[in-house]
Every structure is written in C-alpha cells, then in structure tokens.
C-alpha cells in the first residue's frame, strides 16, 4: 500500500466517523427537542441507575484529573 493509498483510506474513515457523529448528535437534538426523554426514558432509567454510573465515571477519571491538575495551576483553579 502506497502512502497515497494509506492517506485516502484514512480520509475515508475520518469522513465516515464524522458523519456518524453528526447523525448521532442530530438524533440527540431531535430526542431532546421533542421531549421523548421525559416521556419514556425517565420511566425506565431512574436516578437510582444514573447516580452510580456518574459516580463510577467520576472515580475512574479522578486519578487522571488529579495528575493533570498537579502539573498546571490554571487547570487546578478552573
């Protein structure tokens, strides 16, 4: 595979990924604008399931955040 072919393959993959992100964000905007989350998802996903998930994500990222904040005072303040 030549350098030009590798670059073209990379660009194709990036375009596909960008398109998928755009479509997912438009779907989220549609769901949020219509209020479907409040009608259906809140009945299934309760705060009892959201809080542990947010807590686990926060605890997982704490080590990286502490290391980053310890190297730069601007990040630690903000």
Protein backbone atom coordinates (compact mmCIF):
# COMPACT_ATOMS: atom_id res chain seq x y z
CA UNK A 1 0.00 0.00 0.00
CA UNK A 2 1.47 3.34 -1.03
CA UNK A 3 1.45 6.48 1.09
CA UNK A 4 -1.28 7.98 -1.09
CA UNK A 5 -3.50 4.94 -0.65
CA UNK A 6 -2.95 4.97 3.12
CA UNK A 7 -3.88 8.65 3.28
CA UNK A 8 -7.01 8.11 1.18
CA UNK A 9 -8.08 5.19 3.39
CA UNK A 10 -7.55 7.34 6.49
CA UNK A 11 -9.57 10.19 4.99
CA UNK A 12 -12.43 7.84 4.11
CA UNK A 13 -12.52 6.51 7.67
CA UNK A 14 -12.48 10.02 9.11
CA UNK A 15 -15.36 11.09 6.85
CA UNK A 16 -17.39 8.07 7.94
CA UNK A 17 -16.68 8.77 11.59
CA UNK A 18 -17.58 12.44 11.21
CA UNK A 19 -20.85 11.53 9.51
CA UNK A 20 -21.72 9.08 12.27
CA UNK A 21 -21.05 11.72 14.93
CA UNK A 22 -23.18 14.27 13.07
CA UNK A 23 -26.09 11.85 12.73
CA UNK A 24 -25.88 10.84 16.39
CA UNK A 25 -25.87 14.47 17.51
CA UNK A 26 -28.85 15.30 15.29
CA UNK A 27 -30.70 12.33 16.76
CA UNK A 28 -29.95 13.58 20.28
CA UNK A 29 -31.17 17.08 19.38
CA UNK A 30 -34.38 15.60 17.97
CA UNK A 31 -34.98 13.47 21.04
CA UNK A 32 -34.30 16.43 23.34
CA UNK A 33 -36.44 18.89 21.36
CA UNK A 34 -39.46 16.61 21.22
CA UNK A 35 -39.34 15.73 24.91
CA UNK A 36 -39.30 11.99 24.31
CA UNK A 37 -36.73 11.54 27.08
CA UNK A 38 -39.15 12.86 29.67
CA UNK A 39 -41.96 10.66 28.45
CA UNK A 40 -40.25 7.31 28.01
CA UNK A 41 -36.70 7.09 29.25
CA UNK A 42 -37.34 8.60 32.68
CA UNK A 43 -39.74 5.78 33.42
CA UNK A 44 -37.06 3.20 32.64
CA UNK A 45 -33.88 4.98 33.74
CA UNK A 46 -34.29 6.27 37.27
CA UNK A 47 -31.89 8.31 39.42
CA UNK A 48 -31.06 5.05 41.16
CA UNK A 49 -29.33 3.89 37.98
CA UNK A 50 -27.85 7.23 36.92
CA UNK A 51 -26.09 8.15 40.18
CA UNK A 52 -23.90 5.02 40.43
CA UNK A 53 -22.91 5.37 36.78
CA UNK A 54 -21.91 9.01 37.19
CA UNK A 55 -20.09 8.14 40.41
CA UNK A 56 -18.12 5.33 38.78
CA UNK A 57 -17.13 7.53 35.85
CA UNK A 58 -16.07 10.29 38.22
CA UNK A 59 -13.99 7.94 40.36
CA UNK A 60 -12.39 6.43 37.28
CA UNK A 61 -11.36 9.83 35.91
CA UNK A 62 -10.23 11.23 39.28
CA UNK A 63 -6.68 9.86 39.05
CA UNK A 64 -6.10 11.40 35.63
CA UNK A 65 -7.70 14.69 36.67
CA UNK A 66 -5.57 14.89 39.81
CA UNK A 67 -2.38 14.20 37.85
CA UNK A 68 -3.26 16.84 35.26
CA UNK A 69 -4.23 19.41 37.89
CA UNK A 70 -1.00 18.86 39.80
CA UNK A 71 1.09 19.81 36.75
CA UNK A 72 -0.72 23.03 35.81
CA UNK A 73 -2.12 25.54 38.31
CA UNK A 74 -4.58 27.01 35.74
CA UNK A 75 -6.29 23.66 35.31
CA UNK A 76 -6.44 23.16 39.09
CA UNK A 77 -8.12 26.55 39.62
CA UNK A 78 -10.64 26.17 36.80
